[in-house]
Amino acid sequence: MDHDEAAASTASSYELSRVSTAARRPSRTAQERPQLAPFSSAFGGFTPLDTPPITPPESNNEKIESIPPAPVDYLSYKEVVPGPSLPPTPGETEFYPTDLESGSSTPPSPTAHNSTADLTIAELANEAAPLPPVDRGRAAIMYLVAVTLIEATVWGLPFSVGVLHEYWLSELFPDPSAAGVLTLASTLPTGLLYFCGVFMGPLFTAFPWFERELQFAGLFISTAGLLASAFVTQPWQLILTFGIMFPMSGSVYLPCATNLFEWWKARRGMATGIMYAGTGLGGCVFPIVVTALLKAFGYRTTMVSLAIAYLIIIATCLCFTKRRVPLPTYVTGGRRKRTRPPVDWSFLRRRATWVGFAFMMVHSLANFIPLLWITSFATLVGAKSPDGPSLVAIVNGVTAFGNCLSGWVSDRVPCRIAVTVSCLIAAVSTATLWGFGDNEKFLLAFAVMWGLTAASLAGMWGAMITTIAQNDPSTTVVAFSAFMTLKGIASFTSGPISTALLNYGPIAGAPGAYGSTNYGVLIIFTTIMTGAGGLITIAFPG
């Protein structure tokens, strides 16, 4: 018997097919409730057992209004009904948020409909589709590979912009008066990529249904920036194209980084570490590729080739970065409208939030200094093998492994212990290996230790953000955006601060680089900020 015939024979003019089970439960006692057999199919009807049919009273052909649906608690996706109720029937299995982690099935959308006529077959099929598993499976692995390549492509070029900067200064615009403009064009992408969290985080939180459209818009704008930078004729044009347009790739990167939390739970630290390892991978590959292209084909062909490769790689990877948990689409009511996932701002009252923010700000003030000044320091002390650029490449390469290691550790060790130990090791390495690094061996050891510790702390972001957001998807986006913004502030301020510290000159009577170079005060500042970041994290819960 199909659904309509069953409803007609048992409900008649009551139109029970439009009345929710939860709304009818309080009106019948346990003896009066019919026992229903399991549904025969996803959209089929039910067959009553040997129980007397429900006979409605005489209505005299009067129209009886349907009982309105019960209120819905959108946070837990459970109907709120006072009084006694039946256990869920096989057709209305109860859902709990923890089911999302098991990968068993999609949650019933908090988007109850007034009638099945309001639903299309596609919508019904989407609500019944099973979710991919967490921490395993082809979809989770492909997502991780895709976001790692996106990380390498988006961040690799800004982290290796020194090659382009040197070419701009020596070949494209050799006029010394253009040096300031070209330096600004080379440093803007990194800072703006971090600062994109300020406006893109709230944007993606408020309009998550347009996530894909915003990602492709950022992809095309950043590609256009790379392409246009190939045809610049004035230095200021590089600020507009490479410095401002290219960082719009942040709209591609941000959702990929935050949606990773849906795909990985038990191994979330390892997954985030692998993703952030893409930055080190890109920082190693891009200088080699860009240098080879510049020597073989010249500047214009190099930038056009980079733009085309960038577009193809990112567009392909975006095909594998879909959300694991579909967004709710419609809510009950006469008008079909989208629901906006609420942001639980109570996370701002948690200790973990402010300890994490303080750590990010203090630690990041020192985080950029070694990569910014190690090249000129190596030149000053006469380091040849490895030289300054090679030391930067070593730091980036070691960071790729270090992020994987720090993420793996954060899955097994409390976050506050892992971060604190890493920061203290980095601080000691800075004070000793860089402080006395007046030869290649000391500098090489410092590059390796810095890459394994302070430069790889992003691998622990996943554990910290999980503690702050407590698995709330909207809060995860806000917290991640705040982390990026604080690091962006540090990237802009650490440059002027370090430049001012270099003006103090050598420390009289001090050993090593403290007394023989003007980097002594800068090394002390880097040591203090790195160690202070670790000590702050002792207060982080968990």
Protein backbone atom coordinates (compact mmCIF):
# COMPACT_ATOMS: atom_id res chain seq x y z
CA MET A 1 0.00 0.00 0.00
CA ASP A 2 1.50 3.40 -0.94
CA HIS A 3 1.72 6.42 1.31
CA ASP A 4 -1.39 8.24 0.01
CA GLU A 5 -3.67 5.20 0.32
CA ALA A 6 -2.44 4.45 3.81
CA ALA A 7 -2.95 8.03 4.90
CA ALA A 8 -6.42 8.12 3.38
CA SER A 9 -7.51 4.90 5.06
CA THR A 10 -6.22 5.81 8.51
CA ALA A 11 -6.48 9.58 8.68
CA SER A 12 -9.30 10.56 6.35
CA SER A 13 -10.06 14.26 6.62
CA TYR A 14 -7.52 14.81 9.40
CA GLU A 15 -4.74 15.06 6.78
CA LEU A 16 -2.39 13.21 9.10
CA SER A 17 0.22 13.11 6.37
CA ARG A 18 0.73 16.81 7.09
CA VAL A 19 0.81 16.49 10.87
CA SER A 20 4.15 15.82 12.57
CA THR A 21 4.44 12.76 14.75
CA ALA A 22 5.79 14.85 17.61
CA ALA A 23 2.71 17.11 17.56
CA ARG A 24 0.34 14.11 17.76
CA ARG A 25 2.14 12.25 20.52
CA PRO A 26 0.74 14.10 23.59
CA SER A 27 -2.86 13.60 22.41
CA ARG A 28 -2.89 9.80 22.78
CA THR A 29 -2.27 7.46 25.64
CA ALA A 30 0.05 4.50 25.42
CA GLN A 31 -2.89 2.15 24.84
CA GLU A 32 -4.27 4.22 21.99
CA ARG A 33 -1.03 4.55 20.03
CA PRO A 34 -0.89 2.30 16.98
CA GLN A 35 2.25 0.24 16.47
CA LEU A 36 3.70 1.00 13.05
CA ALA A 37 5.82 -1.35 11.01
CA PRO A 38 9.10 -0.10 9.58
CA PHE A 39 8.94 1.91 6.42
CA SER A 40 9.17 -0.25 3.35
CA SER A 41 11.33 2.24 1.48
CA ALA A 42 12.69 5.73 1.71
CA PHE A 43 9.50 7.29 0.35
CA GLY A 44 7.06 4.44 0.73
CA GLY A 45 4.15 4.18 3.09
CA PHE A 46 3.62 2.05 6.18
CA THR A 47 1.45 -0.98 6.90
CA PRO A 48 -0.54 -0.91 10.16
CA LEU A 49 -0.37 -4.01 12.33
CA ASP A 50 -3.36 -5.74 13.94
CA THR A 51 -4.66 -2.68 15.70
CA PRO A 52 -8.03 -0.99 15.29
CA PRO A 53 -7.93 1.86 12.81
CA ILE A 54 -8.20 5.40 14.05
CA THR A 55 -11.72 6.60 13.27
CA PRO A 56 -12.10 10.36 13.25
CA PRO A 57 -15.36 11.88 14.52
CA GLU A 58 -17.99 13.04 12.10
CA SER A 59 -16.83 16.28 10.61
CA ASN A 60 -19.88 17.07 8.45
CA ASN A 61 -17.48 17.91 5.66
CA GLU A 62 -16.05 20.75 7.74
CA LYS A 63 -12.45 21.58 7.06
CA ILE A 64 -10.25 20.75 10.01
CA GLU A 65 -7.03 22.73 10.27
CA SER A 66 -3.79 20.84 10.45
CA ILE A 67 -1.95 20.84 13.72
CA PRO A 68 1.08 23.12 13.33
CA PRO A 69 4.50 21.49 13.46
CA ALA A 70 6.33 21.37 16.75
CA PRO A 71 9.04 23.93 17.45
CA VAL A 72 12.55 22.94 16.48
CA ASP A 73 15.72 23.43 18.43
CA TYR A 74 18.20 24.24 15.66
CA LEU A 75 21.29 23.74 17.82
CA SER A 76 20.58 20.10 18.58
CA TYR A 77 18.27 19.28 15.67
CA LYS A 78 15.77 17.71 18.10
CA GLU A 79 12.09 18.55 18.27
CA VAL A 80 11.08 20.25 21.51
CA VAL A 81 7.75 18.81 22.67
CA PRO A 82 6.39 18.94 26.22
CA GLY A 83 4.87 15.91 27.83
CA PRO A 84 5.20 12.20 27.00
CA SER A 85 6.20 11.03 23.58
CA LEU A 86 6.71 7.87 21.63
CA PRO A 87 10.16 6.50 20.90
CA PRO A 88 11.27 7.45 17.40
CA THR A 89 9.90 5.22 14.69
CA PRO A 90 12.21 3.76 12.05
CA GLY A 91 11.17 6.57 9.75
CA GLU A 92 12.14 9.36 12.13
CA THR A 93 15.39 8.27 13.74
CA GLU A 94 16.57 10.66 16.41
CA PHE A 95 19.77 12.58 15.68
CA TYR A 96 22.51 13.78 17.96
CA PRO A 97 25.40 16.10 16.98
CA THR A 98 27.93 13.40 17.83
CA ASP A 99 26.56 11.37 14.92
CA LEU A 100 28.40 13.76 12.61
CA GLU A 101 31.71 12.34 13.76
CA SER A 102 30.77 8.75 12.98
CA GLY A 103 30.13 9.38 9.32
CA SER A 104 26.92 7.38 9.44
CA SER A 105 24.42 9.75 7.89
CA THR A 106 23.57 13.34 7.33
CA PRO A 107 21.74 15.19 10.07
CA PRO A 108 18.06 15.80 9.50
CA SER A 109 18.13 19.34 8.31
CA PRO A 110 16.81 21.77 10.88
CA THR A 111 14.77 22.89 7.96
CA ALA A 112 11.45 21.24 8.58
CA HIS A 113 9.00 21.67 5.71
CA ASN A 114 5.28 22.24 5.91
CA SER A 115 4.66 19.57 3.32
CA THR A 116 6.53 17.01 1.33
CA ALA A 117 5.21 18.87 -1.67
CA ASP A 118 7.64 21.67 -0.79
CA LEU A 119 10.58 19.29 -1.23
CA THR A 120 12.10 18.29 -4.50
CA ILE A 121 13.37 14.77 -5.09
CA ALA A 122 16.92 16.17 -5.16
CA GLU A 123 16.48 17.79 -1.74
CA LEU A 124 15.05 14.61 -0.24
CA ALA A 125 17.89 12.55 -1.68
CA ASN A 126 20.45 15.04 -0.36
CA GLU A 127 19.00 14.85 3.16
CA ALA A 128 19.16 11.05 3.07
CA ALA A 129 22.71 10.81 1.67
CA PRO A 130 25.32 9.23 3.97
CA LEU A 131 28.24 11.33 5.19
CA PRO A 132 31.82 10.35 4.32
CA PRO A 133 33.81 8.93 7.25
CA VAL A 134 36.02 11.08 9.47
CA ASP A 135 39.81 10.61 9.68
CA ARG A 136 39.85 8.01 6.90
CA GLY A 137 38.54 7.21 3.47
CA ARG A 138 39.27 8.48 -0.01
CA ALA A 139 37.33 11.74 0.38
CA ALA A 140 39.18 12.79 3.56
CA ILE A 141 42.59 11.95 2.08
CA MET A 142 41.86 13.75 -1.19
CA TYR A 143 40.68 16.78 0.77
CA LEU A 144 43.94 16.85 2.73
CA VAL A 145 46.07 16.50 -0.42
CA ALA A 146 44.11 19.26 -2.16
CA VAL A 147 44.35 21.79 0.69
CA THR A 148 48.07 21.06 1.07
CA LEU A 149 48.63 21.91 -2.61
CA ILE A 150 46.49 25.04 -2.20
CA GLU A 151 48.58 26.03 0.83
CA ALA A 152 51.80 25.51 -1.13
CA THR A 153 50.55 27.49 -4.14
CA VAL A 154 48.94 30.40 -2.28
CA TRP A 155 51.70 30.91 0.31
CA GLY A 156 54.72 29.57 -1.56
CA LEU A 157 55.08 32.54 -3.89
CA PRO A 158 54.88 35.27 -1.19
CA PHE A 159 57.32 33.32 0.98
CA SER A 160 59.83 33.17 -1.88
CA VAL A 161 59.23 36.65 -3.27
CA GLY A 162 62.87 37.53 -2.65
CA VAL A 163 63.77 36.10 -6.06
CA LEU A 164 61.28 38.38 -7.81
CA HIS A 165 62.27 41.33 -5.62
CA GLU A 166 65.90 40.98 -6.63
CA TYR A 167 64.92 40.83 -10.32
CA TRP A 168 62.71 43.90 -10.00
CA LEU A 169 65.55 45.87 -8.41
CA SER A 170 68.34 44.75 -10.74
CA GLU A 171 66.63 44.27 -14.10
CA LEU A 172 63.08 45.57 -14.34
CA PHE A 173 63.36 48.90 -12.47
CA PRO A 174 67.04 49.53 -11.66
CA ASP A 175 66.39 53.14 -10.64
CA PRO A 176 67.35 53.41 -6.92
CA SER A 177 64.36 55.67 -6.28
CA ALA A 178 62.03 52.73 -6.99
CA ALA A 179 63.50 50.54 -4.24
CA GLY A 180 60.97 51.60 -1.59
CA VAL A 181 57.98 50.97 -3.84
CA LEU A 182 59.29 47.58 -4.95
CA THR A 183 59.99 46.53 -1.37
CA LEU A 184 56.42 47.44 -0.42
CA ALA A 185 55.09 45.43 -3.37
CA SER A 186 57.06 42.38 -2.23
CA THR A 187 55.98 42.53 1.43
CA LEU A 188 52.30 43.40 0.95
CA PRO A 189 51.14 39.93 -0.18
CA THR A 190 52.22 38.16 3.02
CA GLY A 191 50.73 40.81 5.29
CA LEU A 192 47.45 41.07 3.39
CA LEU A 193 47.08 37.29 3.22
CA TYR A 194 47.21 37.21 7.00
CA PHE A 195 44.92 40.23 7.30
CA CYS A 196 42.31 38.69 5.01
CA GLY A 197 40.85 37.02 8.07
CA VAL A 198 39.60 40.42 9.31
CA PHE A 199 36.96 40.78 6.61
CA MET A 200 36.79 37.34 4.98
CA GLY A 201 36.21 35.46 8.23
CA PRO A 202 32.96 37.33 9.07
CA LEU A 203 31.96 37.22 5.40
CA PHE A 204 32.21 33.43 5.17
CA THR A 205 30.50 33.08 8.55
CA ALA A 206 27.53 35.22 7.50
CA PHE A 207 27.14 33.77 3.99
CA PRO A 208 28.47 30.20 4.02
CA TRP A 209 26.21 29.20 1.09
CA PHE A 210 28.25 31.48 -1.20
CA GLU A 211 31.54 29.94 -0.12
CA ARG A 212 32.29 28.42 -3.52
CA GLU A 213 31.40 31.61 -5.40
CA LEU A 214 33.67 33.68 -3.14
CA GLN A 215 36.51 31.20 -3.58
CA PHE A 216 36.36 31.34 -7.37
CA ALA A 217 36.04 35.13 -7.29
CA GLY A 218 39.24 35.31 -5.24
CA LEU A 219 40.91 32.83 -7.59
CA PHE A 220 40.16 34.90 -10.69
CA ILE A 221 41.18 38.21 -9.04
CA SER A 222 44.50 36.80 -7.81
CA THR A 223 45.17 35.16 -11.19
CA ALA A 224 44.45 38.47 -12.90
CA GLY A 225 46.92 40.14 -10.51
CA LEU A 226 49.69 37.71 -11.43
CA LEU A 227 48.91 38.04 -15.11
CA ALA A 228 48.81 41.84 -15.00
CA SER A 229 52.12 41.99 -13.11
CA ALA A 230 53.77 40.55 -16.23
CA PHE A 231 52.93 43.72 -18.19
CA VAL A 232 53.74 46.47 -15.67
CA THR A 233 55.64 49.51 -16.87
CA GLN A 234 55.86 51.46 -13.59
CA PRO A 235 56.90 50.30 -10.10
CA TRP A 236 53.62 51.42 -8.47
CA GLN A 237 51.72 49.05 -10.75
CA LEU A 238 53.32 46.11 -8.94
CA ILE A 239 51.75 47.33 -5.69
CA LEU A 240 48.31 47.18 -7.31
CA THR A 241 48.75 43.87 -9.15
CA PHE A 242 51.11 41.70 -7.10
CA GLY A 243 50.74 43.50 -3.77
CA ILE A 244 46.94 43.94 -3.58
CA MET A 245 45.22 41.76 -6.19
CA PHE A 246 47.20 38.56 -5.58
CA PRO A 247 46.42 38.43 -1.81
CA MET A 248 42.74 38.02 -2.71
CA SER A 249 43.73 34.35 -2.90
CA GLY A 250 43.02 34.42 0.83
CA SER A 251 39.35 33.83 -0.04
CA VAL A 252 40.44 30.53 -1.61
CA TYR A 253 42.58 29.48 1.32
CA LEU A 254 40.47 30.41 4.38
CA PRO A 255 37.48 28.04 3.85
CA CYS A 256 39.83 25.18 2.95
CA ALA A 257 41.72 25.58 6.22
CA THR A 258 38.60 25.79 8.41
CA ASN A 259 36.59 23.05 6.68
CA LEU A 260 39.49 20.69 7.39
CA PHE A 261 38.09 20.47 10.93
CA GLU A 262 35.01 18.66 9.58
CA TRP A 263 37.08 15.95 7.88
CA TRP A 264 39.61 15.20 10.61
CA LYS A 265 39.02 14.77 14.34
CA ALA A 266 41.20 12.16 16.08
CA ARG A 267 44.11 12.99 13.72
CA ARG A 268 43.31 16.68 13.35
CA GLY A 269 46.72 17.83 14.53
CA MET A 270 48.50 15.61 12.03
CA ALA A 271 46.19 16.80 9.24
CA THR A 272 46.70 20.50 9.99
CA GLY A 273 50.44 19.93 10.24
CA ILE A 274 50.50 18.32 6.80
CA MET A 275 48.46 21.19 5.39
CA TYR A 276 50.79 23.85 6.81
CA ALA A 277 53.76 21.87 5.55
CA GLY A 278 52.61 23.06 2.14
CA THR A 279 53.97 26.51 2.96
CA GLY A 280 57.47 25.15 3.47
CA LEU A 281 57.13 22.99 0.37
CA GLY A 282 56.11 25.99 -1.72
CA GLY A 283 58.87 28.09 -0.18
CA CYS A 284 61.42 25.53 -1.40
CA VAL A 285 59.97 24.86 -4.86
CA PHE A 286 59.01 28.36 -6.00
CA PRO A 287 62.50 29.95 -5.77
CA ILE A 288 63.97 27.16 -7.88
CA VAL A 289 61.18 27.30 -10.49
CA VAL A 290 61.06 31.10 -10.70
CA THR A 291 64.85 31.42 -10.98
CA ALA A 292 64.98 28.83 -13.77
CA LEU A 293 62.12 30.49 -15.68
CA LEU A 294 63.65 33.96 -15.38
CA LYS A 295 66.98 32.75 -16.75
CA ALA A 296 65.44 30.75 -19.59
CA PHE A 297 62.48 32.88 -20.75
CA GLY A 298 62.58 36.29 -19.11
CA TYR A 299 60.24 38.12 -16.78
CA ARG A 300 57.03 38.42 -18.82
CA THR A 301 56.89 34.76 -19.84
CA THR A 302 57.70 33.73 -16.27
CA MET A 303 54.79 35.66 -14.76
CA VAL A 304 52.33 34.51 -17.43
CA SER A 305 53.41 30.90 -16.86
CA LEU A 306 53.02 31.30 -13.09
CA ALA A 307 49.52 32.76 -13.55
CA ILE A 308 48.37 29.90 -15.79
CA ALA A 309 49.86 27.22 -13.53
CA TYR A 310 48.37 28.91 -10.46
CA LEU A 311 44.89 28.97 -12.01
CA ILE A 312 45.01 25.32 -13.11
CA ILE A 313 46.36 23.99 -9.80
CA ILE A 314 43.93 25.90 -7.58
CA ALA A 315 40.86 25.25 -9.76
CA THR A 316 41.64 21.53 -9.86
CA CYS A 317 42.18 21.31 -6.10
CA LEU A 318 38.92 23.13 -5.36
CA CYS A 319 37.06 20.21 -6.92
CA PHE A 320 38.16 18.07 -3.94
CA THR A 321 37.54 20.58 -1.13
CA LYS A 322 33.81 20.27 -0.58
CA ARG A 323 32.27 20.46 2.87
CA ARG A 324 31.76 17.15 4.61
CA VAL A 325 28.58 18.26 6.43
CA PRO A 326 26.05 19.94 4.10
CA LEU A 327 24.67 23.29 5.19
CA PRO A 328 20.99 23.49 6.16
CA THR A 329 19.00 25.06 3.36
CA TYR A 330 15.43 25.94 4.25
CA VAL A 331 13.36 26.58 7.36
CA THR A 332 9.72 25.99 8.18
CA GLY A 333 7.37 28.66 6.93
CA GLY A 334 5.50 29.90 3.94
CA ARG A 335 8.64 31.41 2.43
CA ARG A 336 11.62 29.30 1.49
CA LYS A 337 14.69 30.97 2.91
CA ARG A 338 18.17 30.02 3.99
CA THR A 339 19.13 29.65 7.62
CA ARG A 340 22.19 31.48 8.91
CA PRO A 341 24.37 29.41 11.25
CA PRO A 342 24.61 31.42 14.49
CA VAL A 343 27.98 32.34 15.98
CA ASP A 344 28.22 31.47 19.66
CA TRP A 345 30.16 34.46 20.95
CA SER A 346 30.46 32.89 24.38
CA PHE A 347 33.86 31.60 23.27
CA LEU A 348 35.16 35.10 24.06
CA ARG A 349 34.53 34.36 27.75
CA ARG A 350 36.81 31.33 27.74
CA ARG A 351 40.33 31.48 29.10
CA ALA A 352 41.63 29.46 26.17
CA THR A 353 40.59 32.20 23.74
CA TRP A 354 42.56 35.03 25.32
CA VAL A 355 45.57 32.90 26.17
CA GLY A 356 45.66 31.73 22.55
CA PHE A 357 45.34 35.29 21.23
CA ALA A 358 48.09 36.54 23.56
CA PHE A 359 50.39 33.72 22.49
CA MET A 360 49.80 34.47 18.80
CA MET A 361 50.56 38.17 19.20
CA VAL A 362 53.68 37.83 21.37
CA HIS A 363 55.21 34.85 19.58
CA SER A 364 54.54 36.25 16.10
CA LEU A 365 56.45 39.46 16.86
CA ALA A 366 59.60 37.33 16.76
CA ASN A 367 58.48 34.70 14.27
CA PHE A 368 59.28 36.70 11.12
CA ILE A 369 62.61 38.17 12.25
CA PRO A 370 65.00 35.28 11.42
CA LEU A 371 63.66 34.86 7.88
CA LEU A 372 63.74 38.62 7.41
CA TRP A 373 67.32 39.21 8.55
CA ILE A 374 69.23 35.91 8.35
CA THR A 375 70.32 36.64 4.77
CA SER A 376 71.89 40.00 5.59
CA PHE A 377 73.39 38.60 8.81
CA ALA A 378 75.05 35.75 6.88
CA THR A 379 76.50 38.27 4.45
CA LEU A 380 77.79 40.40 7.33
CA VAL A 381 79.67 37.52 9.00
CA GLY A 382 80.91 36.18 5.65
CA ALA A 383 78.98 32.90 5.60
CA LYS A 384 79.44 31.21 2.22
CA SER A 385 78.36 27.60 2.56
CA PRO A 386 75.52 27.87 3.23
CA ASP A 387 74.98 31.49 2.30
CA GLY A 388 72.00 33.67 3.22
CA PRO A 389 69.50 32.52 0.55
CA SER A 390 70.44 28.90 1.22
CA LEU A 391 69.72 29.37 4.93
CA VAL A 392 66.24 30.71 4.09
CA ALA A 393 65.61 27.69 1.86
CA ILE A 394 66.79 25.38 4.66
CA VAL A 395 64.39 26.99 7.15
CA ASN A 396 61.49 26.62 4.70
CA GLY A 397 62.39 23.02 3.90
CA VAL A 398 62.74 22.00 7.54
CA THR A 399 59.44 23.78 8.31
CA ALA A 400 57.63 21.38 5.97
CA PHE A 401 58.76 18.46 8.12
CA GLY A 402 58.44 20.44 11.35
CA ASN A 403 54.76 21.25 10.80
CA CYS A 404 53.97 17.57 10.26
CA LEU A 405 55.89 16.70 13.41
CA SER A 406 54.25 19.40 15.55
CA GLY A 407 50.80 18.38 14.33
CA TRP A 408 51.50 14.74 15.14
CA VAL A 409 52.71 15.72 18.62
CA SER A 410 49.62 17.87 19.28
CA ASP A 411 47.41 14.78 18.78
CA ARG A 412 49.24 12.99 21.59
CA VAL A 413 50.51 15.66 23.99
CA PRO A 414 48.49 18.46 25.65
CA CYS A 415 48.74 21.58 23.56
CA ARG A 416 50.11 23.82 26.32
CA ILE A 417 53.00 21.42 26.95
CA ALA A 418 53.86 20.96 23.28
CA VAL A 419 53.79 24.69 22.47
CA THR A 420 55.68 25.72 25.60
CA VAL A 421 58.49 23.20 25.06
CA SER A 422 58.79 24.13 21.38
CA CYS A 423 59.01 27.86 22.17
CA LEU A 424 61.59 27.39 24.91
CA ILE A 425 63.78 25.24 22.64
CA ALA A 426 63.52 27.91 19.93
CA ALA A 427 64.42 30.65 22.43
CA VAL A 428 67.51 28.80 23.65
CA SER A 429 68.56 28.07 20.05
CA THR A 430 68.23 31.75 19.17
CA ALA A 431 70.25 32.93 22.14
CA THR A 432 73.08 30.44 21.58
CA LEU A 433 73.26 29.32 17.96
CA TRP A 434 72.37 32.69 16.42
CA GLY A 435 73.89 34.72 19.23
CA PHE A 436 77.24 33.03 18.73
CA GLY A 437 76.65 32.29 15.05
CA ASP A 438 79.66 33.95 13.52
CA ASN A 439 80.33 30.94 11.26
CA GLU A 440 78.42 28.66 8.89
CA LYS A 441 78.08 25.71 11.29
CA PHE A 442 76.29 27.72 13.97
CA LEU A 443 73.99 29.36 11.42
CA LEU A 444 73.15 26.03 9.80
CA ALA A 445 72.27 24.53 13.20
CA PHE A 446 70.14 27.57 14.02
CA ALA A 447 68.25 27.34 10.70
CA VAL A 448 67.41 23.68 11.37
CA MET A 449 66.34 24.22 15.00
CA TRP A 450 64.27 27.31 14.19
CA GLY A 451 62.54 25.49 11.34
CA LEU A 452 61.69 22.52 13.58
CA THR A 453 60.35 24.60 16.48
CA ALA A 454 59.21 28.22 16.25
CA ALA A 455 58.62 28.22 12.49
CA SER A 456 56.49 25.06 12.75
CA LEU A 457 54.05 26.07 15.47
CA ALA A 458 51.25 26.46 12.91
CA GLY A 459 50.93 22.68 13.05
CA MET A 460 49.53 23.10 16.56
CA TRP A 461 46.92 25.67 15.58
CA GLY A 462 44.41 22.89 15.00
CA ALA A 463 44.60 21.68 18.61
CA MET A 464 44.42 25.22 19.99
CA ILE A 465 41.46 26.25 17.82
CA THR A 466 39.62 23.03 18.67
CA THR A 467 39.93 23.88 22.37
CA ILE A 468 38.77 27.45 21.76
CA ALA A 469 35.88 26.67 19.39
CA GLN A 470 34.80 23.36 20.98
CA ASN A 471 33.89 21.96 17.54
CA ASP A 472 31.46 24.79 16.70
CA PRO A 473 31.96 25.34 12.93
CA SER A 474 31.09 29.06 13.00
CA THR A 475 33.35 29.71 15.98
CA THR A 476 36.15 27.80 14.25
CA VAL A 477 36.08 30.26 11.34
CA VAL A 478 36.13 33.27 13.67
CA ALA A 479 38.95 31.88 15.83
CA PHE A 480 41.07 30.91 12.83
CA SER A 481 40.51 34.36 11.29
CA ALA A 482 41.60 35.99 14.56
CA PHE A 483 44.79 33.90 14.62
CA MET A 484 45.59 34.96 11.05
CA THR A 485 44.85 38.62 11.81
CA LEU A 486 47.11 38.69 14.86
CA LYS A 487 49.91 37.12 12.87
CA GLY A 488 49.32 39.70 10.14
CA ILE A 489 49.64 42.52 12.67
CA ALA A 490 52.91 41.01 13.83
CA SER A 491 54.18 40.69 10.26
CA PHE A 492 53.70 44.42 9.70
CA THR A 493 55.05 45.59 13.05
CA SER A 494 58.05 43.27 13.37
CA GLY A 495 59.76 44.94 10.40
CA PRO A 496 59.87 48.49 11.84
CA ILE A 497 60.64 47.15 15.33
CA SER A 498 63.58 45.07 14.12
CA THR A 499 64.90 47.94 12.00
CA ALA A 500 64.88 50.21 15.04
CA LEU A 501 66.64 47.60 17.18
CA LEU A 502 69.46 47.30 14.64
CA ASN A 503 70.31 50.96 15.24
CA TYR A 504 71.58 50.21 18.77
CA GLY A 505 74.86 48.82 17.47
CA PRO A 506 77.07 46.12 19.05
CA ILE A 507 76.93 45.40 22.78
CA ALA A 508 80.29 46.41 24.21
CA GLY A 509 82.28 43.51 25.63
CA ALA A 510 79.69 40.87 24.68
CA PRO A 511 80.86 37.61 23.07
CA GLY A 512 79.92 36.29 19.65
CA ALA A 513 77.51 38.16 17.42
CA TYR A 514 76.29 40.17 20.42
CA GLY A 515 79.48 42.18 20.52
CA SER A 516 80.80 41.89 16.97
CA THR A 517 77.65 42.92 15.06
CA ASN A 518 74.72 45.28 15.50
CA TYR A 519 72.35 42.28 15.68
CA GLY A 520 72.87 41.67 19.41
CA VAL A 521 69.83 43.60 20.66
CA LEU A 522 67.69 42.12 17.87
CA ILE A 523 68.74 38.58 18.86
CA ILE A 524 67.87 39.30 22.50
CA PHE A 525 64.44 40.66 21.48
CA THR A 526 63.75 37.54 19.38
CA THR A 527 64.78 35.30 22.28
CA ILE A 528 62.56 37.10 24.79
CA MET A 529 59.45 37.22 22.58
CA THR A 530 59.78 33.56 21.59
CA GLY A 531 60.26 32.40 25.17
CA ALA A 532 57.47 34.67 26.46
CA GLY A 533 55.06 33.15 23.95
CA GLY A 534 55.82 29.72 25.35
CA LEU A 535 55.43 30.84 28.97
CA ILE A 536 52.04 32.42 28.17
CA THR A 537 50.82 29.11 26.78
CA ILE A 538 51.32 27.42 30.17
CA ALA A 539 47.96 28.98 31.11
CA PHE A 540 46.23 27.38 28.11
CA PRO A 541 43.69 24.78 29.32
CA GLY A 542 43.97 21.12 28.44
